């Protein structure tokens, strides 16, 4: 059976319509545990939307619902007019997820990591694949790393390669799961600059799950803070510079208190 290249893909990333995301009444249960409670939010087309919150607050589970990797117990997630949980939506919307750990294949070169998706889906011939791969590497200033293997890359370069691989999919929505984790402050700032620059150049919708306060306050159009599977607050970065909510202030600007350390409080809470 022959497979013709998909006409929806071109050599230029982000071709076509930009989509927003609407989440309505989203609740997710795993057994008896409820990890998302009636989540309602709207991401506008072309927006950089940052979702923050403590570990275990439900951020990544929410991101998986947007990516169509989880099905809601109740409520829905829509990408434009499409149901995110419907597999057919992937034929209408180009969506890419940048995993926290990069998820690169160690046995493949950087070039082949990027070429894997279009090859597997037979989207174009090798000349077209090369054009798309080298275009993505060029956007991230990674041309010289094309023949290297992941084991030869620094942590920052692996993050950039993971983003470049997402670009090869020509996304209209880019999802980032903790894109600056395990990076030093300078490389974290570099990744933040990349996310913002991609939006400026392409108008791609970017949804970023992150603990990185500097990233959120510097490049996000809007920020949602989640706690215990619920939305605690949503606003523009200026709203979170000096938050009046004590829990949010403690999350964004924690004070080290050696006289009453947090781990002692956590220890007591489980007795």
Protein backbone atom coordinates (compact mmCIF):
# COMPACT_ATOMS: atom_id res chain seq x y z
CA UNK A 1 0.00 0.00 0.00
CA UNK A 2 1.48 3.36 -0.98
CA UNK A 3 1.51 6.36 1.30
CA UNK A 4 1.43 9.78 -0.31
CA UNK A 5 3.01 12.69 1.60
CA UNK A 6 0.48 14.62 3.62
CA UNK A 7 -0.46 17.83 1.77
CA UNK A 8 -0.92 19.56 5.11
CA UNK A 9 2.82 19.59 5.78
CA UNK A 10 5.30 21.97 4.18
CA UNK A 11 8.95 22.84 4.51
CA UNK A 12 8.00 25.87 6.60
CA UNK A 13 6.99 25.24 10.24
CA UNK A 14 3.71 26.51 11.66
CA UNK A 15 1.94 26.82 8.32
CA UNK A 16 -1.81 27.31 8.58
CA UNK A 17 -4.26 28.29 11.28
CA UNK A 18 -3.32 29.00 14.89
CA UNK A 19 -5.56 27.35 17.47
CA UNK A 20 -6.58 28.17 21.02
CA UNK A 21 -7.59 25.75 23.76
CA UNK A 22 -10.79 25.79 25.83
CA UNK A 23 -11.14 23.62 28.95
CA UNK A 24 -14.58 23.30 30.50
CA UNK A 25 -15.46 21.55 33.75
CA UNK A 26 -12.49 19.18 33.50
CA UNK A 27 -12.37 16.62 36.30
CA UNK A 28 -10.00 13.65 36.35
CA UNK A 29 -10.11 10.72 38.76
CA UNK A 30 -7.70 7.83 39.12
CA UNK A 31 -9.63 5.28 41.13
CA UNK A 32 -10.86 7.06 44.25
CA UNK A 33 -8.34 9.87 43.90
CA UNK A 34 -9.41 13.10 42.17
CA UNK A 35 -6.40 14.88 40.69
CA UNK A 36 -8.22 17.59 38.71
CA UNK A 37 -11.27 19.39 40.12
CA UNK A 38 -13.59 21.24 37.70
CA UNK A 39 -10.85 23.01 35.70
CA UNK A 40 -12.02 25.88 33.49
CA UNK A 41 -9.61 27.96 31.43
CA UNK A 42 -9.14 29.36 27.95
CA UNK A 43 -5.86 29.74 26.06
CA UNK A 44 -6.10 32.24 23.22
CA UNK A 45 -4.62 31.49 19.78
CA UNK A 46 -0.96 32.54 19.64
CA UNK A 47 -0.69 33.04 23.40
CA UNK A 48 2.13 31.95 25.71
CA UNK A 49 0.19 30.47 28.62
CA UNK A 50 2.10 29.26 31.67
CA UNK A 51 0.66 26.77 34.16
CA UNK A 52 2.47 26.79 37.50
CA UNK A 53 2.02 25.13 40.85
CA UNK A 54 3.70 22.91 43.45
CA UNK A 55 4.65 19.33 42.64
CA UNK A 56 1.58 17.11 42.62
CA UNK A 57 -0.82 19.95 41.83
CA UNK A 58 -2.04 18.33 38.59
CA UNK A 59 -0.18 20.44 36.03
CA UNK A 60 1.24 17.60 33.97
CA UNK A 61 -2.03 15.64 34.08
CA UNK A 62 -3.75 18.73 32.71
CA UNK A 63 -1.15 19.00 29.94
CA UNK A 64 -1.73 15.35 29.01
CA UNK A 65 -5.44 16.06 28.57
CA UNK A 66 -4.62 18.89 26.17
CA UNK A 67 -2.29 16.55 24.28
CA UNK A 68 -5.02 13.91 24.08
CA UNK A 69 -3.01 11.43 26.17
CA UNK A 70 -5.62 11.28 28.95
CA UNK A 71 -9.41 11.13 28.85
CA UNK A 72 -11.44 13.24 31.23
CA UNK A 73 -13.69 11.71 33.87
CA UNK A 74 -15.97 14.70 33.33
CA UNK A 75 -15.76 17.85 31.23
CA UNK A 76 -13.92 18.43 27.99
CA UNK A 77 -10.87 19.95 26.32
CA UNK A 78 -11.29 21.54 22.90
CA UNK A 79 -8.59 22.67 20.50
CA UNK A 80 -10.36 25.23 18.38
CA UNK A 81 -13.56 23.45 17.39
CA UNK A 82 -12.06 19.96 17.87
CA UNK A 83 -12.26 17.55 20.81
CA UNK A 84 -8.72 17.01 22.15
CA UNK A 85 -9.63 13.44 23.21
CA UNK A 86 -10.68 12.45 19.67
CA UNK A 87 -7.80 10.75 17.79
CA UNK A 88 -9.08 12.31 14.56
CA UNK A 89 -8.19 15.73 15.94
CA UNK A 90 -4.53 14.93 15.24
CA UNK A 91 -5.41 14.90 11.54
CA UNK A 92 -6.74 18.46 11.83
CA UNK A 93 -4.35 20.11 14.30
CA UNK A 94 -0.55 19.86 14.38
CA UNK A 95 0.30 19.54 18.08
CA UNK A 96 3.72 18.75 19.55
CA UNK A 97 4.79 17.98 23.11
CA UNK A 98 8.29 18.78 24.41
CA UNK A 99 8.89 16.23 27.17
CA UNK A 100 10.59 17.18 30.42
CA UNK A 101 13.46 14.71 29.94
CA UNK A 102 13.70 15.33 26.19
CA UNK A 103 12.84 11.69 25.31
CA UNK A 104 15.59 11.53 22.66
CA UNK A 105 16.63 8.16 21.25
CA UNK A 106 20.22 7.58 22.37
CA UNK A 107 20.96 5.24 19.46
CA UNK A 108 20.06 7.89 16.87
CA UNK A 109 21.96 11.00 15.86
CA UNK A 110 20.37 14.41 16.38
CA UNK A 111 19.47 14.49 12.68
CA UNK A 112 17.83 11.07 12.80
CA UNK A 113 15.96 11.91 16.00
CA UNK A 114 14.38 14.82 14.16
CA UNK A 115 13.80 12.85 10.96
CA UNK A 116 12.13 9.91 12.71
CA UNK A 117 8.58 11.31 12.82
CA UNK A 118 8.27 12.37 9.16
CA UNK A 119 9.96 9.13 8.07
CA UNK A 120 7.65 6.95 10.15
CA UNK A 121 4.58 8.80 8.87
CA UNK A 122 5.94 9.01 5.30
CA UNK A 123 5.07 12.67 5.07
CA UNK A 124 7.60 13.52 2.38
CA UNK A 125 10.68 12.18 0.58
CA UNK A 126 14.19 12.34 2.03
CA UNK A 127 14.91 15.68 0.36
CA UNK A 128 11.81 17.16 1.99
CA UNK A 129 12.69 15.60 5.34
CA UNK A 130 16.20 17.04 5.17
CA UNK A 131 14.81 20.48 4.43
CA UNK A 132 12.45 20.32 7.40
CA UNK A 133 15.09 18.91 9.77
CA UNK A 134 17.77 21.42 8.83
CA UNK A 135 15.27 24.26 8.99
CA UNK A 136 14.35 23.28 12.56
CA UNK A 137 18.01 22.90 13.55
CA UNK A 138 18.76 26.31 12.04
CA UNK A 139 15.99 27.98 14.06
CA UNK A 140 17.60 26.63 17.26
CA UNK A 141 21.21 27.27 16.07
CA UNK A 142 21.95 23.53 16.16
CA UNK A 143 23.20 22.87 12.63
CA UNK A 144 26.66 21.77 13.84
CA UNK A 145 25.09 19.21 16.20
CA UNK A 146 23.22 17.33 13.45
CA UNK A 147 25.56 14.30 13.44
CA UNK A 148 26.14 14.16 17.17
CA UNK A 149 24.43 11.67 19.49
CA UNK A 150 22.46 12.61 22.62
CA UNK A 151 25.27 11.28 24.85
CA UNK A 152 27.55 13.95 23.37
CA UNK A 153 25.21 16.83 24.20
CA UNK A 154 24.95 19.03 27.26
CA UNK A 155 21.64 19.26 29.13
CA UNK A 156 20.84 22.57 27.48
CA UNK A 157 21.55 21.24 24.01
CA UNK A 158 19.31 18.22 24.64
CA UNK A 159 16.47 20.60 25.53
CA UNK A 160 17.06 22.57 22.34
CA UNK A 161 17.12 19.38 20.27
CA UNK A 162 13.84 18.29 21.87
CA UNK A 163 12.28 21.62 20.86
CA UNK A 164 13.76 21.31 17.36
CA UNK A 165 12.23 17.85 17.03
CA UNK A 166 8.86 19.33 17.95
CA UNK A 167 9.30 21.97 15.25
CA UNK A 168 9.76 19.29 12.59
CA UNK A 169 6.15 18.29 13.30
CA UNK A 170 5.18 21.82 12.18
CA UNK A 171 3.02 22.44 15.25
CA UNK A 172 0.20 24.93 15.58
CA UNK A 173 0.23 24.23 19.33
CA UNK A 174 3.42 23.59 21.31
CA UNK A 175 3.18 22.01 24.75
CA UNK A 176 6.20 22.22 27.06
CA UNK A 177 6.54 20.08 30.20
CA UNK A 178 9.08 21.71 32.55
CA UNK A 179 11.34 22.95 29.73
CA UNK A 180 13.93 24.50 32.08
CA UNK A 181 14.20 21.70 34.65
CA UNK A 182 17.76 20.63 35.53
CA UNK A 183 19.26 23.62 33.72
CA UNK A 184 21.48 26.36 35.09
CA UNK A 185 20.06 29.92 35.26
CA UNK A 186 21.72 31.06 32.02
CA UNK A 187 20.45 28.08 29.99
CA UNK A 188 17.01 28.44 31.61
CA UNK A 189 16.94 32.01 30.36
CA UNK A 190 18.02 30.80 26.92
CA UNK A 191 15.13 28.31 26.74
CA UNK A 192 12.73 31.06 27.84
CA UNK A 193 14.06 33.26 25.03
CA UNK A 194 13.54 30.42 22.54
CA UNK A 195 9.90 29.94 23.56
CA UNK A 196 9.23 33.67 23.27
CA UNK A 197 11.10 34.01 19.96
CA UNK A 198 9.20 31.12 18.39
CA UNK A 199 5.93 32.82 19.27
CA UNK A 200 7.15 36.12 17.82
CA UNK A 201 8.26 34.48 14.58
CA UNK A 202 5.37 32.09 14.05
CA UNK A 203 2.38 32.97 16.30
CA UNK A 204 2.32 29.34 17.51
CA UNK A 205 0.20 28.80 20.63
CA UNK A 206 2.51 27.80 23.51
CA UNK A 207 1.35 26.16 26.75
CA UNK A 208 4.14 25.82 29.29
CA UNK A 209 4.00 23.77 32.49
CA UNK A 210 6.80 25.03 34.70
CA UNK A 211 8.07 25.72 38.21
CA UNK A 212 10.29 28.44 36.77
CA UNK A 213 9.08 31.76 38.17
CA UNK A 214 11.46 33.80 36.03
CA UNK A 215 10.23 32.12 32.85
CA UNK A 216 6.58 32.70 33.71
CA UNK A 217 6.96 36.30 34.81
CA UNK A 218 9.19 37.19 31.85
CA UNK A 219 7.54 35.66 28.78
CA UNK A 220 4.00 34.50 29.63
CA UNK A 221 0.97 36.43 28.40
CA UNK A 222 -1.04 34.87 31.20
CA UNK A 223 -0.36 32.55 34.12
CA UNK A 224 -2.54 30.02 35.93
CA UNK A 225 -1.45 28.73 39.32
CA UNK A 226 -2.78 25.32 40.37
CA UNK A 227 -2.83 23.84 43.85
CA UNK A 228 -4.30 20.50 44.90
CA UNK A 229 -5.80 19.91 41.47
CA UNK A 230 -7.66 23.22 41.43
CA UNK A 231 -7.04 26.58 39.80
CA UNK A 232 -5.99 28.96 42.54
CA UNK A 233 -5.54 32.07 40.39
CA UNK A 234 -5.21 33.24 36.79
CA UNK A 235 -3.82 36.57 35.64
CA UNK A 236 -1.13 38.45 33.77
CA UNK A 237 2.46 38.37 35.10
CA UNK A 238 2.06 41.73 36.89
CA UNK A 239 -0.67 40.18 39.04
CA UNK A 240 1.88 37.81 40.55
CA UNK A 241 4.74 40.21 41.28
CA UNK A 242 3.42 40.85 44.80
CA UNK A 243 0.51 38.43 45.32
CA UNK A 244 -1.83 38.99 48.26
CA UNK A 245 -2.74 35.29 48.44
CA UNK A 246 -0.46 33.84 51.12
CA UNK A 247 -0.24 30.39 49.52
CA UNK A 248 0.72 31.85 46.14
CA UNK A 249 3.21 34.25 47.71
CA UNK A 250 4.82 31.37 49.59
CA UNK A 251 5.03 29.31 46.38
CA UNK A 252 6.51 32.09 44.24
CA UNK A 253 8.72 33.69 46.91
CA UNK A 254 9.55 31.04 49.52
CA UNK A 255 11.53 32.22 52.54
CA UNK A 256 14.15 29.91 54.01
CA UNK A 257 13.41 29.63 57.73
CA UNK A 258 16.01 27.60 59.60
CA UNK A 259 14.13 28.02 62.90
CA UNK A 260 10.96 26.44 61.50
CA UNK A 261 12.02 24.45 58.42
CA UNK A 262 9.41 23.16 56.02
CA UNK A 263 10.50 19.54 56.18
CA UNK A 264 9.67 19.53 59.89
CA UNK A 265 6.19 20.83 59.10
CA UNK A 266 5.74 18.13 56.47
CA UNK A 267 6.96 15.52 58.94
CA UNK A 268 4.43 16.58 61.53
CA UNK A 269 1.59 16.71 59.02
CA UNK A 270 1.94 12.96 58.39
CA UNK A 271 1.96 11.83 62.01
